[in-house]
Protein backbone atom coordinates (compact mmCIF):
# COMPACT_ATOMS: atom_id res chain seq x y z
CA MET A 1 0.00 0.00 0.00
CA THR A 2 1.28 3.41 -0.73
CA GLU A 3 0.18 6.96 -1.28
CA THR A 4 2.14 9.50 -3.26
CA LYS A 5 2.02 12.90 -1.61
CA LYS A 6 4.47 15.73 -1.35
CA PRO A 7 5.75 15.78 2.24
CA THR A 8 3.84 18.43 4.08
CA LYS A 9 4.72 20.49 7.07
CA GLY A 10 2.61 19.24 9.95
CA ILE A 11 -0.27 16.95 9.22
CA SER A 12 -1.10 15.32 5.89
CA ARG A 13 -4.46 15.13 4.16
CA ARG A 14 -6.15 12.65 1.91
CA THR A 15 -8.79 13.47 -0.66
CA LEU A 16 -11.08 10.78 0.68
CA LEU A 17 -10.98 12.23 4.16
CA LYS A 18 -10.81 15.99 3.67
CA THR A 19 -13.54 16.50 6.22
CA ALA A 20 -12.51 13.66 8.50
CA SER A 21 -11.16 15.85 11.24
CA ALA A 22 -14.44 17.74 11.48
CA ALA A 23 -16.33 14.49 11.82
CA ALA A 24 -13.87 12.81 14.17
CA GLY A 25 -15.84 13.77 17.24
CA LEU A 26 -19.01 12.32 15.73
CA ALA A 27 -17.57 8.85 15.21
CA ALA A 28 -18.92 6.07 17.37
CA GLY A 29 -17.11 5.65 20.65
CA SER A 30 -15.46 9.04 20.44
CA GLY A 31 -15.58 9.68 24.16
CA ALA A 32 -12.14 10.34 25.59
CA ILE A 33 -10.36 7.12 26.40
CA THR A 34 -9.72 6.90 30.10
CA GLY A 35 -6.85 5.30 31.93
CA PHE A 36 -4.06 7.19 30.16
CA PRO A 37 -1.96 9.58 32.25
CA THR A 38 -2.47 13.31 31.82
CA ILE A 39 1.25 13.87 32.37
CA TRP A 40 1.83 14.81 28.71
CA ALA A 41 -0.50 17.80 28.97
CA GLN A 42 1.73 19.29 31.68
CA ASN A 43 4.97 18.24 29.97
CA PRO A 44 4.28 18.85 26.27
CA ILE A 45 5.79 16.22 24.00
CA THR A 46 5.80 16.17 20.21
CA LEU A 47 6.30 12.94 18.31
CA ARG A 48 7.34 13.19 14.67
CA GLN A 49 5.72 10.46 12.59
CA PHE A 50 6.11 9.75 8.89
CA GLY A 51 4.69 7.10 6.63
CA THR A 52 2.14 6.37 3.94
CA GLY A 53 -0.97 8.50 3.55
CA VAL A 54 -3.38 5.72 4.41
CA SER A 55 -2.81 6.08 8.14
CA ASN A 56 -1.21 9.51 8.62
CA LEU A 57 -4.57 11.19 9.11
CA ASN A 58 -5.69 14.45 10.68
CA ALA A 59 -8.35 12.84 12.82
CA ILE A 60 -5.86 10.46 14.47
CA ALA A 61 -3.51 13.33 15.38
CA GLU A 62 -6.34 15.44 16.76
CA LYS A 63 -7.80 12.59 18.82
CA CYS A 64 -4.34 11.74 20.17
CA LYS A 65 -3.86 15.37 21.25
CA ALA A 66 -7.28 15.42 22.93
CA ASP A 67 -6.85 12.10 24.75
CA LEU A 68 -3.14 12.15 25.63
CA GLY A 69 -1.93 15.72 25.21
CA ILE A 70 0.74 14.39 22.83
CA THR A 71 1.25 16.37 19.62
CA LEU A 72 1.75 14.28 16.49
CA GLU A 73 3.57 15.91 13.58
CA MET A 74 2.76 13.78 10.56
CA THR A 75 4.35 13.61 7.12
CA ALA A 76 2.86 11.46 4.35
CA THR A 77 5.01 9.97 1.61
CA ASP A 78 4.94 7.05 -0.80
CA SER A 79 6.29 3.60 0.07
CA ASP A 80 9.64 3.84 -1.72
CA ALA A 81 10.32 7.30 -0.26
CA ALA A 82 9.36 6.00 3.20
CA ALA A 83 11.91 3.19 2.97
CA GLN A 84 14.62 5.63 1.88
CA ARG A 85 13.84 8.20 4.57
CA ALA A 86 13.73 5.60 7.34
CA VAL A 87 17.30 4.53 6.56
CA THR A 88 18.94 7.77 5.41
CA GLN A 89 17.31 10.29 7.80
CA PRO A 90 16.94 8.35 11.08
CA ASN A 91 16.99 11.48 13.23
CA SER A 92 14.17 13.16 11.28
CA TYR A 93 11.44 11.02 12.90
CA ASP A 94 10.42 9.41 16.18
CA ILE A 95 7.77 7.02 14.85
CA ALA A 96 8.07 5.17 11.53
CA ASP A 97 4.64 4.24 10.17
CA ILE A 98 5.80 1.75 7.56
CA GLU A 99 4.81 -1.45 5.80
CA TYR A 100 6.19 -4.86 6.70
CA TRP A 101 7.97 -5.37 3.39
CA ILE A 102 9.73 -2.02 3.99
CA LEU A 103 10.81 -3.29 7.42
CA LYS A 104 12.89 -5.93 5.66
CA LYS A 105 14.93 -3.11 4.10
CA VAL A 106 14.91 -0.81 7.12
CA TYR A 107 15.40 -2.92 10.24
CA PRO A 108 18.87 -4.33 9.43
CA ALA A 109 20.12 -0.71 9.18
CA GLY A 110 19.71 -0.36 12.95
CA VAL A 111 17.46 2.70 12.76
CA ILE A 112 14.48 1.07 14.54
CA GLN A 113 14.62 -0.22 18.12
CA PRO A 114 12.56 -3.28 19.09
CA MET A 115 9.56 -2.95 21.40
CA ASP A 116 9.31 -4.70 24.73
CA THR A 117 5.99 -6.56 24.42
CA THR A 118 5.52 -6.41 28.20
CA LYS A 119 5.01 -2.64 27.77
CA LEU A 120 2.32 -3.14 25.12
CA LYS A 121 -1.02 -3.04 26.93
CA TYR A 122 -2.98 -4.75 24.13
CA TYR A 123 -0.35 -7.17 22.85
CA ASP A 124 -2.61 -10.13 23.64
CA LYS A 125 -5.38 -8.59 21.49
CA ILE A 126 -3.27 -8.49 18.30
CA VAL A 127 -4.60 -10.92 15.71
CA PRO A 128 -2.45 -14.09 15.38
CA LEU A 129 -1.74 -13.33 11.71
CA PHE A 130 1.03 -11.00 12.94
CA LYS A 131 2.41 -13.50 15.44
CA ASN A 132 2.47 -16.80 13.57
CA GLY A 133 1.20 -16.01 10.06
CA LYS A 134 -2.14 -17.76 10.52
CA LEU A 135 -5.54 -16.13 10.88
CA LYS A 136 -6.96 -19.44 12.12
CA PRO A 137 -5.10 -22.56 13.28
CA ASP A 138 -5.77 -24.33 9.95
CA SER A 139 -4.82 -21.35 7.76
CA VAL A 140 -2.08 -21.73 5.14
CA ILE A 141 0.78 -19.24 5.57
CA ALA A 142 0.86 -16.98 2.50
CA GLN A 143 3.91 -16.40 0.31
CA GLY A 144 5.90 -13.16 0.26
CA THR A 145 7.04 -11.08 3.24
CA ALA A 146 4.40 -12.28 5.71
CA PRO A 147 4.48 -9.88 8.71
CA HIS A 148 5.33 -12.53 11.30
CA THR A 149 8.55 -13.38 9.41
CA VAL A 150 9.92 -9.89 10.15
CA GLY A 151 7.94 -9.28 13.34
CA TYR A 152 10.44 -10.31 16.02
CA VAL A 153 14.08 -10.24 17.04
CA ALA A 154 15.66 -12.39 19.74
CA LYS A 155 17.12 -9.39 21.61
CA PRO A 156 17.80 -5.66 21.23
CA GLY A 157 20.68 -4.99 18.87
CA ASP A 158 19.97 -7.97 16.63
CA LYS A 159 19.88 -7.17 12.90
CA THR A 160 18.33 -10.48 11.85
CA PHE A 161 14.75 -11.54 12.48
CA ALA A 162 13.72 -14.27 14.89
CA LYS A 163 12.02 -17.40 13.53
CA GLU A 164 9.23 -17.34 16.12
CA GLU A 165 7.44 -15.11 18.62
CA THR A 166 9.75 -13.50 21.23
CA LYS A 167 9.51 -10.71 23.81
CA TRP A 168 10.86 -8.21 21.25
CA PHE A 169 8.51 -6.88 18.56
CA THR A 170 10.08 -5.07 15.58
CA MET A 171 6.97 -2.89 15.35
CA VAL A 172 3.34 -2.99 16.45
CA PRO A 173 0.95 -3.83 13.60
CA THR A 174 -1.81 -1.29 13.01
CA ILE A 175 -3.37 -1.54 9.54
CA TYR A 176 -3.66 -4.16 6.80
CA ASN A 177 -5.93 -5.37 4.04
CA ALA A 178 -6.50 -7.97 1.35
CA ASP A 179 -6.20 -6.38 -2.10
CA THR A 180 -7.70 -7.51 -5.38
CA LEU A 181 -8.92 -6.03 -8.65
CA GLY A 182 -11.37 -3.16 -8.82
CA ILE A 183 -13.87 -3.25 -11.69
CA ARG A 184 -16.57 -1.09 -13.23
CA PRO A 185 -19.40 -3.69 -13.33
CA ASP A 186 -21.43 -1.41 -15.63
CA LEU A 187 -18.59 -1.35 -18.19
CA VAL A 188 -16.82 -4.75 -18.06
CA GLY A 189 -19.92 -6.48 -19.41
CA ARG A 190 -19.19 -9.93 -18.00
CA GLU A 191 -18.41 -11.87 -14.84
CA ILE A 192 -14.88 -11.30 -13.46
CA SER A 193 -13.59 -14.27 -11.45
CA THR A 194 -9.83 -14.55 -11.91
CA TRP A 195 -6.70 -12.37 -11.90
CA ALA A 196 -6.24 -13.50 -15.53
CA ASP A 197 -9.31 -11.48 -16.58
CA ILE A 198 -7.29 -8.25 -16.55
CA MET A 199 -5.46 -9.55 -19.66
CA ASP A 200 -8.66 -10.24 -21.65
CA PRO A 201 -8.23 -8.59 -25.10
CA LYS A 202 -11.73 -7.17 -24.54
CA PHE A 203 -10.18 -4.78 -21.99
CA LYS A 204 -7.36 -3.66 -24.29
CA GLY A 205 -6.47 -0.06 -23.45
CA LYS A 206 -8.78 -0.08 -20.44
CA ALA A 207 -6.72 -2.03 -17.89
CA SER A 208 -4.21 -0.73 -15.34
CA ILE A 209 -1.81 -2.03 -12.70
CA LEU A 210 0.02 -0.02 -10.09
CA ASN A 211 3.54 1.25 -10.61
CA ILE A 212 5.23 0.48 -7.30
CA PRO A 213 7.72 -2.31 -8.14
CA SER A 214 7.50 -4.34 -4.93
CA ILE A 215 3.69 -4.37 -5.12
CA GLY A 216 3.11 -4.35 -8.87
CA ILE A 217 5.31 -7.41 -9.35
CA MET A 218 3.05 -9.33 -6.94
CA ASP A 219 -0.05 -8.40 -8.96
CA ALA A 220 1.82 -9.52 -12.07
CA ALA A 221 2.66 -12.82 -10.37
CA MET A 222 -0.99 -13.40 -9.47
CA ILE A 223 -1.92 -12.72 -13.11
CA MET A 224 0.83 -14.97 -14.52
CA GLU A 225 -0.10 -17.94 -12.33
CA ALA A 226 -3.81 -17.47 -13.02
CA MET A 227 -3.09 -17.59 -16.77
CA GLY A 228 -1.06 -20.78 -16.35
CA ASN A 229 2.08 -19.08 -17.70
CA ILE A 230 4.26 -20.02 -14.75
CA LYS A 231 4.17 -21.70 -11.34
CA TYR A 232 6.47 -19.81 -9.01
CA VAL A 233 8.37 -21.58 -6.25
CA ASP A 234 7.62 -18.46 -4.15
CA LYS A 235 5.89 -15.47 -5.75
CA GLY A 236 7.38 -13.29 -3.02
CA ASN A 237 10.95 -14.33 -3.72
CA MET A 238 11.38 -14.94 -7.45
CA THR A 239 14.49 -16.19 -9.16
CA LYS A 240 16.07 -14.04 -11.87
CA ALA A 241 14.61 -16.38 -14.49
CA GLU A 242 11.12 -15.98 -12.99
CA ILE A 243 11.51 -12.19 -12.86
CA ASP A 244 12.60 -12.16 -16.51
CA LYS A 245 9.66 -14.28 -17.62
CA THR A 246 7.22 -12.06 -15.70
CA ILE A 247 8.62 -8.74 -16.93
CA ASP A 248 8.98 -9.96 -20.53
CA PHE A 249 5.29 -10.88 -20.45
CA LEU A 250 4.33 -7.45 -19.09
CA ILE A 251 6.42 -5.63 -21.72
CA LYS A 252 4.76 -7.63 -24.49
CA ALA A 253 1.29 -6.85 -23.05
CA LYS A 254 2.16 -3.17 -22.72
CA GLN A 255 3.45 -2.92 -26.28
CA ALA A 256 0.26 -4.62 -27.49
CA GLY A 257 -1.71 -1.79 -25.83
CA GLN A 258 -3.36 -3.75 -23.00
CA PHE A 259 -2.71 -1.08 -20.34
CA ARG A 260 -4.19 2.40 -20.27
CA ALA A 261 -1.97 3.64 -17.43
CA PHE A 262 0.19 2.74 -14.43
CA TRP A 263 -0.84 4.54 -11.27
CA LYS A 264 1.13 5.38 -8.16
CA SER A 265 -1.30 7.23 -5.94
CA PHE A 266 -4.72 6.62 -4.43
CA ASP A 267 -6.16 9.63 -6.26
CA GLU A 268 -4.85 8.46 -9.64
CA SER A 269 -6.57 5.09 -9.25
CA VAL A 270 -9.86 6.77 -8.26
CA ASN A 271 -9.74 9.17 -11.22
CA LEU A 272 -8.94 6.44 -13.75
CA MET A 273 -11.89 4.37 -12.56
CA ALA A 274 -14.39 7.20 -12.04
CA SER A 275 -13.72 8.59 -15.53
CA GLY A 276 -14.24 5.19 -17.15
CA GLU A 277 -10.81 5.39 -18.81
CA VAL A 278 -10.07 2.15 -16.98
CA VAL A 279 -12.64 -0.60 -16.28
CA ILE A 280 -10.41 -3.16 -14.50
CA GLN A 281 -7.28 -2.46 -12.44
CA SER A 282 -5.24 -3.11 -9.31
CA MET A 283 -7.05 -1.23 -6.57
CA TRP A 284 -7.38 -0.62 -2.84
CA SER A 285 -10.63 -1.06 -0.96
CA PRO A 286 -11.05 2.60 0.15
CA ALA A 287 -10.37 3.75 -3.43
CA VAL A 288 -13.29 1.61 -4.59
CA ALA A 289 -15.39 3.22 -1.85
CA ALA A 290 -14.28 6.67 -3.04
CA VAL A 291 -15.48 5.90 -6.58
CA ARG A 292 -18.80 4.60 -5.24
CA SER A 293 -19.23 7.72 -3.10
CA LYS A 294 -19.40 9.67 -6.39
CA GLY A 295 -22.46 7.61 -7.39
CA ILE A 296 -20.44 5.51 -9.85
CA ALA A 297 -20.68 1.71 -9.93
CA CYS A 298 -17.41 0.13 -8.74
CA LYS A 299 -16.74 -3.27 -7.21
CA TYR A 300 -13.86 -4.83 -5.32
CA GLN A 301 -13.92 -8.23 -6.99
CA PRO A 302 -13.11 -11.42 -5.03
CA LEU A 303 -11.05 -13.73 -7.28
CA LYS A 304 -10.66 -17.51 -7.13
CA GLU A 305 -6.87 -17.37 -6.71
CA GLY A 306 -7.15 -15.23 -3.59
CA TYR A 307 -5.86 -11.84 -2.48
CA ARG A 308 -2.56 -9.97 -2.40
CA SER A 309 -2.14 -8.56 1.08
CA TRP A 310 -0.21 -5.79 2.81
CA GLY A 311 0.24 -4.69 6.39
CA GLY A 312 1.79 -1.79 8.23
CA GLY A 313 2.73 -0.80 11.72
CA LEU A 314 4.46 1.68 14.01
CA GLY A 315 8.17 1.39 14.73
CA LEU A 316 10.21 3.23 17.36
CA ALA A 317 13.22 5.24 16.14
CA ALA A 318 16.49 3.95 17.57
CA HIS A 319 17.32 7.36 19.09
CA LEU A 320 14.21 7.46 21.33
CA SER A 321 14.88 7.33 25.08
CA GLY A 322 13.63 8.73 28.38
CA ALA A 323 10.38 10.70 28.41
CA LYS A 324 10.03 10.59 24.62
CA LEU A 325 10.27 6.81 24.58
CA ASP A 326 7.70 6.62 27.40
CA ALA A 327 5.41 8.92 25.40
CA ALA A 328 5.87 6.77 22.30
CA TYR A 329 4.78 3.64 24.19
CA GLU A 330 1.82 5.59 25.59
CA TYR A 331 0.86 6.64 22.07
CA ILE A 332 1.12 3.08 20.76
CA ASN A 333 -1.00 1.75 23.61
CA TRP A 334 -3.59 4.44 22.87
CA TYR A 335 -3.44 3.62 19.15
CA THR A 336 -4.31 -0.05 19.81
CA SER A 337 -6.95 0.71 22.46
CA GLY A 338 -9.80 0.82 19.94
CA TRP A 339 -10.74 4.27 18.65
CA VAL A 340 -8.16 4.30 15.84
CA GLY A 341 -8.88 0.67 14.96
CA ALA A 342 -12.58 1.46 14.54
CA TYR A 343 -11.69 4.53 12.46
CA LEU A 344 -9.55 2.41 10.12
CA ASN A 345 -12.15 -0.38 9.95
CA ARG A 346 -14.74 2.17 8.81
CA GLN A 347 -12.62 2.95 5.74
CA GLY A 348 -12.36 -0.66 4.65
CA TYR A 349 -8.99 -1.42 6.24
CA TYR A 350 -8.56 -3.79 9.17
CA SER A 351 -7.38 -3.09 12.72
CA ALA A 352 -4.64 -5.31 14.13
CA ALA A 353 -6.45 -5.31 17.51
CA MET A 354 -9.96 -6.23 16.38
CA GLU A 355 -11.38 -6.84 19.84
CA THR A 356 -10.64 -3.32 21.08
CA ALA A 357 -11.93 -1.76 17.83
CA LYS A 358 -15.25 -3.60 18.17
CA ALA A 359 -16.08 -1.65 21.32
CA HIS A 360 -15.94 1.58 19.31
CA MET A 361 -18.24 0.45 16.49
CA SER A 362 -22.00 0.00 16.35
CA ALA A 363 -23.32 -3.56 15.95
CA ASP A 364 -24.43 -2.68 12.41
CA GLU A 365 -21.01 -1.26 11.47
CA TRP A 366 -19.25 -4.32 12.86
CA GLY A 367 -21.69 -6.59 11.05
CA TYR A 368 -21.11 -4.87 7.71
CA TRP A 369 -17.35 -4.26 7.81
CA ILE A 370 -16.13 -7.32 9.72
CA GLU A 371 -18.77 -10.06 9.67
CA GLY A 372 -19.89 -9.72 6.04
CA LYS A 373 -23.51 -9.11 7.01
CA ALA A 374 -25.99 -6.95 5.09
CA ALA A 375 -26.13 -3.43 6.52
CA LYS A 376 -29.32 -2.72 8.46
CA GLY A 377 -28.93 1.04 8.08
CA ASP A 378 -26.80 3.30 5.88
CA ILE A 379 -23.05 2.83 6.33
CA VAL A 380 -21.37 6.16 7.01
CA ALA A 381 -17.70 7.05 6.42
CA PRO A 382 -15.63 8.76 9.14
CA ASP A 383 -16.23 12.08 7.35
CA GLY A 384 -20.00 11.67 7.65
CA LYS A 385 -20.68 10.79 4.01
CA ILE A 386 -22.94 7.82 3.23
CA MET A 387 -20.71 5.09 1.77
CA GLU A 388 -23.27 2.31 1.37
CA LYS A 389 -27.05 2.16 1.56
CA ALA A 390 -28.95 -0.16 3.91
CA GLY A 391 -28.94 -3.71 2.55
CA ALA A 392 -25.42 -3.52 1.09
CA VAL A 393 -22.97 -6.37 1.70
CA ARG A 394 -19.22 -5.76 1.68
CA ASP A 395 -17.38 -6.97 -1.43
CA GLY A 396 -15.53 -10.17 -0.58
CA GLY A 397 -17.58 -10.81 2.53
CA SER A 398 -16.29 -11.13 6.07
CA PHE A 399 -12.89 -10.43 7.60
CA GLU A 400 -12.23 -14.19 7.85
CA GLU A 401 -13.27 -14.81 4.24
CA ARG A 402 -10.99 -12.06 2.94
CA MET A 403 -7.91 -12.38 5.16
CA GLY A 404 -8.37 -16.16 5.14
CA HIS A 405 -7.77 -16.22 1.38
CA VAL A 406 -4.51 -14.30 1.12
CA ALA A 407 -2.21 -15.87 -1.48
CA CYS A 408 0.78 -13.57 -1.02
CA TRP A 409 2.02 -10.52 0.88
CA ASN A 410 3.81 -7.51 -0.57
CA SER A 411 7.43 -8.48 -0.58
CA VAL A 412 11.12 -7.66 -0.82
CA MET A 413 12.91 -10.34 -2.81
CA ASP A 414 16.51 -11.48 -2.56
CA GLU A 415 16.80 -10.25 -6.17
CA ASP A 416 15.09 -6.94 -5.31
CA ARG A 417 17.57 -4.69 -7.15
CA TYR A 418 17.40 -6.80 -10.27
CA MET A 419 13.60 -6.90 -10.10
CA VAL A 420 13.34 -3.09 -9.73
CA ARG A 421 15.68 -2.58 -12.68
CA ARG A 422 13.62 -4.91 -14.86
CA TRP A 423 10.36 -3.33 -13.65
CA ASN A 424 11.64 0.09 -14.69
CA GLU A 425 12.45 -1.35 -18.11
CA PHE A 426 8.81 -2.44 -18.37
CA ILE A 427 7.47 1.02 -17.41
CA ALA A 428 9.84 2.67 -19.89
CA ALA A 429 9.14 0.19 -22.72
């Protein structure tokens, strides 16, 4: 997941949520969370956080200030820029709000310190997906950089990841989702059931995939396997030969005119779909919701091969100590206490601490977003806009149906540099 924005001074904005801060106080369960010390109000502390635009939101900063007295200075950037900043400017932030595949590039640089799980108030509420890779005991662990594979170290100072759960968390998970293809059901003119459908000649010049190498290559892999072109040993860690076969296929498809565009930002994907320039593309759930909020038919299509997933979390800068480190733990405990989780759930993402989020959602909201039930009343976005009418059912169904059918996670491959070079050849072709 990524969002391309120019870094802003202070807090970032997202088109989808321009009025979110105004509506923050109206959201369910918005009463001040109790049990957090008021010490930060008397001893003002500012935490500098940077990361992708999906979770660096005005409403979260304002609610944090109201509940804790901690000021959050947020900067939104895209995924590749986030990875670079985390490593090259370690003193420019206190909290890194990054994705798990980025962690694989960032953590070995020593710029993030591990978290003591005994200081995490809601550690036991974090879904097992982030601890052992399985949503349910019988789940199959997905390919790619599954969060649990980079989630722990054996002890502070270690640069390599632990093989199993330990006391030391590399970062606390906050937000994740299962991604698939977005379609314009009024324009595709037929049933869409497989990742291979994006390559149907019928959609020539009206298809799109996203142009972020580490994510786009995973969509390409889902498409290639669905078409029967290749069976990867591990989609998330391709060999050079597999990368070549995948990129050569994409170049050929591009030169034949299959793709209308390659998008990098949330807004680009929304505009392509809303305009009808594109009828089938890689997409994110809230972007589909944004198109629908304009009164335009758009569907997040479940596919038989499963979903490509991503997850993000909050990491502590290595330089944090003393009162600032205490404040950072306080902030993280507040973040996982439920209000933020409910706020993210209401946009179509998932909270890593579902149980605490549930307490801040109405039964109807929980039923629609998490249980896959038909909405009894209108479903309202955090900014107060109606997202879905009564009777609507979420695309893809319940949390367990969606996250239980993840085929691969966004990934950093051993041959990452080679893959990025070949991907850029494809975009330039």
